[in-house]
C-alpha atoms as a PDB file:
ATOM      1  CA  MET A   1      56.413 131.779 -43.300  1.00  0.00           C
ATOM      2  CA  LYS A   2      58.954 133.287 -40.875  1.00  0.00           C
ATOM      3  CA  CYS A   3      59.380 136.228 -43.274  1.00  0.00           C
ATOM      4  CA  ILE A   4      55.660 136.986 -43.207  1.00  0.00           C
ATOM      5  CA  SER A   5      55.562 136.763 -39.387  1.00  0.00           C
ATOM      6  CA  ARG A   6      58.529 139.104 -39.053  1.00  0.00           C
ATOM      7  CA  CYS A   7      57.032 141.540 -41.546  1.00  0.00           C
ATOM      8  CA  ALA A   8      53.718 141.516 -39.680  1.00  0.00           C
ATOM      9  CA  ALA A   9      55.511 142.216 -36.381  1.00  0.00           C
ATOM     10  CA  LEU A  10      57.436 145.065 -38.003  1.00  0.00           C
ATOM     11  CA  LEU A  11      54.181 146.474 -39.354  1.00  0.00           C
ATOM     12  CA  LEU A  12      52.743 146.520 -35.814  1.00  0.00           C
ATOM     13  CA  VAL A  13      55.810 148.428 -34.589  1.00  0.00           C
ATOM     14  CA  VAL A  14      55.391 150.953 -37.401  1.00  0.00           C
ATOM     15  CA  MET A  15      51.711 151.392 -36.588  1.00  0.00           C
ATOM     16  CA  ALA A  16      52.552 151.965 -32.904  1.00  0.00           C
ATOM     17  CA  SER A  17      55.164 154.531 -33.949  1.00  0.00           C
ATOM     18  CA  VAL A  18      52.569 156.368 -36.001  1.00  0.00           C
ATOM     19  CA  SER A  19      50.336 156.591 -32.921  1.00  0.00           C
ATOM     20  CA  VAL A  20      53.194 157.938 -30.775  1.00  0.00           C
ATOM     21  CA  VAL A  21      54.193 160.511 -33.388  1.00  0.00           C
ATOM     22  CA  TYR A  22      50.590 161.578 -33.862  1.00  0.00           C
ATOM     23  CA  ALA A  23      50.216 162.157 -30.114  1.00  0.00           C
ATOM     24  CA  SER A  24      53.304 164.365 -29.986  1.00  0.00           C
ATOM     25  CA  ASP A  25      52.929 168.005 -28.851  1.00  0.00           C
ATOM     26  CA  ASP A  26      55.323 169.409 -31.407  1.00  0.00           C
ATOM     27  CA  LYS A  27      53.086 169.853 -34.476  1.00  0.00           C
ATOM     28  CA  LYS A  28      55.862 170.681 -36.951  1.00  0.00           C
ATOM     29  CA  SER A  29      58.035 167.810 -35.819  1.00  0.00           C
ATOM     30  CA  SER A  30      55.102 165.422 -35.564  1.00  0.00           C
ATOM     31  CA  THR A  31      53.824 166.299 -39.036  1.00  0.00           C
ATOM     32  CA  THR A  32      57.251 165.665 -40.549  1.00  0.00           C
ATOM     33  CA  ASP A  33      57.724 162.505 -38.501  1.00  0.00           C
ATOM     34  CA  LEU A  34      54.212 161.352 -39.326  1.00  0.00           C
ATOM     35  CA  GLN A  35      54.813 161.859 -43.057  1.00  0.00           C
ATOM     36  CA  THR A  36      58.115 159.950 -42.848  1.00  0.00           C
ATOM     37  CA  VAL A  37      56.516 157.105 -40.913  1.00  0.00           C
ATOM     38  CA  LYS A  38      53.619 156.937 -43.399  1.00  0.00           C
ATOM     39  CA  GLU A  39      56.021 156.747 -46.345  1.00  0.00           C
ATOM     40  CA  GLU A  40      58.122 154.118 -44.611  1.00  0.00           C
ATOM     41  CA  GLY A  41      54.950 152.203 -43.710  1.00  0.00           C
ATOM     42  CA  LYS A  42      53.780 152.274 -47.333  1.00  0.00           C
ATOM     43  CA  GLN A  43      57.176 151.018 -48.486  1.00  0.00           C
ATOM     44  CA  LEU A  44      57.110 148.304 -45.829  1.00  0.00           C
ATOM     45  CA  ILE A  45      53.673 147.132 -46.945  1.00  0.00           C
ATOM     46  CA  LYS A  46      54.860 147.143 -50.551  1.00  0.00           C
ATOM     47  CA  ASN A  47      57.919 145.085 -49.543  1.00  0.00           C
ATOM     48  CA  ILE A  48      55.709 142.643 -47.622  1.00  0.00           C
ATOM     49  CA  GLY A  49      53.511 142.238 -50.708  1.00  0.00           C
ATOM     50  CA  THR A  50      56.536 141.631 -52.933  1.00  0.00           C
ATOM     51  CA  ALA A  51      57.973 139.085 -50.474  1.00  0.00           C
ATOM     52  CA  ALA A  52      54.630 137.284 -50.170  1.00  0.00           C
ATOM     53  CA  LYS A  53      54.302 137.132 -53.954  1.00  0.00           C
ATOM     54  CA  LYS A  54      57.814 135.672 -54.269  1.00  0.00           C
ATOM     55  CA  ILE A  55      57.060 133.132 -51.547  1.00  0.00           C
ATOM     56  CA  GLY A  56      53.795 132.190 -53.268  1.00  0.00           C
ATOM     57  CA  THR A  57      55.529 131.816 -56.627  1.00  0.00           C
ATOM     58  CA  THR A  58      58.294 129.673 -55.130  1.00  0.00           C
ATOM     59  CA  VAL A  59      55.827 127.471 -53.245  1.00  0.00           C
ATOM     60  CA  GLY A  60      53.685 127.121 -56.385  1.00  0.00           C
ATOM     61  CA  GLU A  61      56.672 126.148 -58.516  1.00  0.00           C
ATOM     62  CA  THR A  62      57.810 123.613 -55.918  1.00  0.00           C
ATOM     63  CA  VAL A  63      54.329 122.084 -55.661  1.00  0.00           C
ATOM     64  CA  ASN A  64      53.982 121.895 -59.464  1.00  0.00           C
ATOM     65  CA  LYS A  65      57.378 120.221 -59.747  1.00  0.00           C
ATOM     66  CA  GLY A  66      56.429 117.691 -57.064  1.00  0.00           C
ATOM     67  CA  VAL A  67      53.084 116.953 -58.717  1.00  0.00           C
ATOM     68  CA  LYS A  68      54.793 116.352 -62.080  1.00  0.00           C
ATOM     69  CA  GLU A  69      57.312 114.007 -60.457  1.00  0.00           C
ATOM     70  CA  ILE A  70      54.539 112.043 -58.747  1.00  0.00           C
ATOM     71  CA  GLN A  71      52.488 111.882 -61.950  1.00  0.00           C
ATOM     72  CA  GLY A  72      55.595 110.712 -63.779  1.00  0.00           C
ATOM     73  CA  THR A  73      55.991 107.883 -61.270  1.00  0.00           C
ATOM     74  CA  PHE A  74      52.375 106.791 -61.731  1.00  0.00           C
ATOM     75  CA  LEU A  75      52.729 107.015 -65.524  1.00  0.00           C
ATOM     76  CA  ASN A  76      55.949 104.984 -65.473  1.00  0.00           C
ATOM     77  CA  ASN A  77      54.133 102.203 -63.595  1.00  0.00           C
ATOM     78  CA  LEU A  78      51.649 101.938 -66.479  1.00  0.00           C
ATOM     79  CA  VAL A  79      53.977 102.302 -69.466  1.00  0.00           C
ATOM     80  CA  GLY A  80      53.606  99.280 -71.699  1.00  0.00           C
ATOM     81  CA  VAL A  81      51.101  97.217 -73.644  1.00  0.00           C
ATOM     82  CA  TRP A  82      48.093  95.916 -71.702  1.00  0.00           C
ATOM     83  CA  GLN A  83      45.767  93.295 -73.168  1.00  0.00           C
ATOM     84  CA  PHE A  84      42.293  91.938 -72.367  1.00  0.00           C
ATOM     85  CA  GLU A  85      41.073  88.857 -74.236  1.00  0.00           C
ATOM     86  CA  ASN A  86      37.369  88.084 -74.532  1.00  0.00           C
ATOM     87  CA  GLY A  87      37.084  85.057 -76.773  1.00  0.00           C
ATOM     88  CA  ASN A  88      38.083  86.218 -80.241  1.00  0.00           C
ATOM     89  CA  ALA A  89      37.794  89.906 -79.238  1.00  0.00           C
ATOM     90  CA  LEU A  90      40.904  91.651 -77.972  1.00  0.00           C
ATOM     91  CA  THR A  91      41.268  95.075 -76.346  1.00  0.00           C
ATOM     92  CA  ILE A  92      44.800  96.481 -76.218  1.00  0.00           C
ATOM     93  CA  ILE A  93      45.802  99.588 -74.274  1.00  0.00           C
ATOM     94  CA  THR A  94      49.242 101.010 -75.014  1.00  0.00           C
ATOM     95  CA  ILE A  95      50.659 103.686 -72.722  1.00  0.00           C
ATOM     96  CA  ASN A  96      53.936 105.389 -73.656  1.00  0.00           C
ATOM     97  CA  GLU A  97      56.501 107.287 -71.570  1.00  0.00           C
ATOM     98  CA  ASP A  98      55.566 110.576 -73.255  1.00  0.00           C
ATOM     99  CA  GLY A  99      51.960 110.275 -72.020  1.00  0.00           C
ATOM    100  CA  SER A 100      50.526 109.185 -75.342  1.00  0.00           C
ATOM    101  CA  MET A 101      47.964 106.405 -75.205  1.00  0.00           C
ATOM    102  CA  ARG A 102      46.207 104.141 -77.678  1.00  0.00           C
ATOM    103  CA  ILE A 103      43.180 101.892 -77.288  1.00  0.00           C
ATOM    104  CA  GLU A 104      42.660  99.276 -79.967  1.00  0.00           C
ATOM    105  CA  GLN A 105      39.919  96.684 -80.260  1.00  0.00           C
ATOM    106  CA  THR A 106      40.186  93.750 -82.629  1.00  0.00           C
ATOM    107  CA  LYS A 107      38.083  90.737 -83.539  1.00  0.00           C
ATOM    108  CA  LYS A 108      39.646  87.721 -85.178  1.00  0.00           C
ATOM    109  CA  LYS A 109      42.871  89.738 -85.528  1.00  0.00           C
ATOM    110  CA  LYS A 110      41.086  92.433 -87.565  1.00  0.00           C
ATOM    111  CA  THR A 111      41.188  95.936 -86.092  1.00  0.00           C
ATOM    112  CA  GLU A 112      37.663  97.145 -85.419  1.00  0.00           C
ATOM    113  CA  TYR A 113      38.323 100.289 -83.360  1.00  0.00           C
ATOM    114  CA  VAL A 114      41.300 102.536 -82.584  1.00  0.00           C
ATOM    115  CA  CYS A 115      41.443 105.649 -80.450  1.00  0.00           C
ATOM    116  CA  GLU A 116      44.636 107.584 -79.732  1.00  0.00           C
ATOM    117  CA  GLY A 117      45.351 110.513 -77.473  1.00  0.00           C
ATOM    118  CA  THR A 118      47.170 111.535 -74.322  1.00  0.00           C
ATOM    119  CA  CYS A 119      46.750 110.584 -70.695  1.00  0.00           C
ATOM    120  CA  VAL A 120      47.362 111.962 -67.225  1.00  0.00           C
ATOM    121  CA  VAL A 121      47.826 109.334 -64.541  1.00  0.00           C
ATOM    122  CA  THR A 122      47.215 109.652 -60.805  1.00  0.00           C
ATOM    123  CA  ALA A 123      47.341 107.002 -58.081  1.00  0.00           C
ATOM    124  CA  ASN A 124      44.119 105.318 -59.193  1.00  0.00           C
ATOM    125  CA  LYS A 125      42.814 107.157 -62.245  1.00  0.00           C
ATOM    126  CA  ILE A 126      43.789 107.636 -65.874  1.00  0.00           C
ATOM    127  CA  THR A 127      42.326 110.661 -67.606  1.00  0.00           C
ATOM    128  CA  PHE A 128      42.525 109.905 -71.312  1.00  0.00           C
ATOM    129  CA  THR A 129      42.002 112.731 -73.801  1.00  0.00           C
ATOM    130  CA  PRO A 130      41.404 111.291 -77.269  1.00  0.00           C
ATOM    131  CA  THR A 131      42.553 113.208 -80.289  1.00  0.00           C
ATOM    132  CA  PRO A 132      39.559 114.211 -82.405  1.00  0.00           C
ATOM    133  CA  ALA A 133      38.150 111.028 -83.884  1.00  0.00           C
ATOM    134  CA  LYS A 134      35.946 110.535 -86.910  1.00  0.00           C
ATOM    135  CA  ASP A 135      33.698 108.108 -85.097  1.00  0.00           C
ATOM    136  CA  LYS A 136      31.139 108.991 -82.465  1.00  0.00           C
ATOM    137  CA  LYS A 137      32.371 106.567 -79.811  1.00  0.00           C
ATOM    138  CA  SER A 138      34.981 109.029 -78.544  1.00  0.00           C
ATOM    139  CA  LYS A 139      34.093 111.289 -75.646  1.00  0.00           C
ATOM    140  CA  LYS A 140      36.031 114.410 -74.720  1.00  0.00           C
ATOM    141  CA  ASP A 141      37.875 113.037 -71.656  1.00  0.00           C
ATOM    142  CA  TRP A 142      37.658 109.465 -70.517  1.00  0.00           C
ATOM    143  CA  GLU A 143      37.920 108.651 -66.824  1.00  0.00           C
ATOM    144  CA  ILE A 144      39.416 105.212 -66.276  1.00  0.00           C
ATOM    145  CA  ALA A 145      39.728 103.869 -62.740  1.00  0.00           C
ATOM    146  CA  TYR A 146      42.601 101.421 -62.351  1.00  0.00           C
ATOM    147  CA  GLN A 147      44.459  99.364 -59.824  1.00  0.00           C
ATOM    148  CA  LEU A 148      47.738  97.528 -60.386  1.00  0.00           C
ATOM    149  CA  GLN A 149      47.825  93.925 -59.191  1.00  0.00           C
ATOM    150  CA  ASN A 150      50.082  90.894 -59.093  1.00  0.00           C
ATOM    151  CA  HIS A 151      53.386  92.791 -58.875  1.00  0.00           C
ATOM    152  CA  LYS A 152      52.309  95.318 -61.529  1.00  0.00           C
ATOM    153  CA  SER A 153      51.817  92.634 -64.201  1.00  0.00           C
ATOM    154  CA  GLU A 154      48.037  93.067 -64.153  1.00  0.00           C
ATOM    155  CA  MET A 155      45.882  96.144 -64.211  1.00  0.00           C
ATOM    156  CA  GLN A 156      42.241  96.041 -63.183  1.00  0.00           C
ATOM    157  CA  LEU A 157      40.291  98.881 -64.738  1.00  0.00           C
ATOM    158  CA  THR A 158      36.757 100.142 -64.924  1.00  0.00           C
ATOM    159  CA  SER A 159      35.387 102.775 -67.301  1.00  0.00           C
ATOM    160  CA  ASP A 160      32.104 103.687 -68.889  1.00  0.00           C
ATOM    161  CA  ALA A 161      33.997 105.578 -71.597  1.00  0.00           C
ATOM    162  CA  ILE A 162      35.765 102.654 -73.253  1.00  0.00           C
ATOM    163  CA  PRO A 163      33.434 101.259 -75.933  1.00  0.00           C
ATOM    164  CA  LYS A 164      32.226  97.701 -75.437  1.00  0.00           C
ATOM    165  CA  ASP A 165      34.307  95.174 -77.318  1.00  0.00           C
ATOM    166  CA  GLU A 166      33.174  93.351 -80.443  1.00  0.00           C
ATOM    167  CA  ASN A 167      31.658  90.568 -78.336  1.00  0.00           C
ATOM    168  CA  GLY A 168      29.607  93.075 -76.341  1.00  0.00           C
ATOM    169  CA  TYR A 169      31.746  93.151 -73.176  1.00  0.00           C
ATOM    170  CA  LYS A 170      31.241  96.371 -71.201  1.00  0.00           C
ATOM    171  CA  PHE A 171      34.214  97.893 -69.396  1.00  0.00           C
ATOM    172  CA  THR A 172      31.943  99.232 -66.664  1.00  0.00           C
ATOM    173  CA  ASN A 173      32.686  95.800 -65.196  1.00  0.00           C
ATOM    174  CA  PRO A 174      36.045  95.504 -63.401  1.00  0.00           C
ATOM    175  CA  THR A 175      38.330  94.148 -66.109  1.00  0.00           C
ATOM    176  CA  VAL A 176      41.822  92.684 -65.716  1.00  0.00           C
ATOM    177  CA  PHE A 177      44.362  93.579 -68.416  1.00  0.00           C
ATOM    178  CA  ILE A 178      47.602  91.611 -68.593  1.00  0.00           C
ATOM    179  CA  LYS A 179      50.869  93.443 -69.263  1.00  0.00           C
ATOM    180  CA  LYS A 180      52.489  92.120 -72.445  1.00  0.00           C
ATOM    181  CA  LYS A 181      55.466  94.466 -72.863  1.00  0.00           C
END
């Protein structure tokens, strides 16, 4: 930011110099000086643009790196196997360190539904992108609101995207999953 302020101040000095040169009585000298000042002014503006672009790129890279680190922290908090039991129906969410995710629903230990994909985790939301599935229950991106509880051993989540379990339970209701691994 200091670089941009200094460059802007220098640009004002150059502009003032152009005015002084333009007001000069000596036409030959002023024309030559004016041309030199114009060329130097153009180069200065070009240099300011280059510096601003470099600053923007550096800031952008730093922000992106920070965002990835924060997302990695949120993801790491959720890595594991999470389970919700509803009578003889079981919903299992598995989240891996590489960002892959799997949702499995079983009834009487028989798998009834599986969806796999990838996830991006923020402070209170999981965005799950299923890989193309053969069934019609999968939506493009699933938004899953979550909150860790009980020293990160429980996760309360809510989502209208997760299909109801085999007993008809709808995950639009706040649902507590217990961490198993």
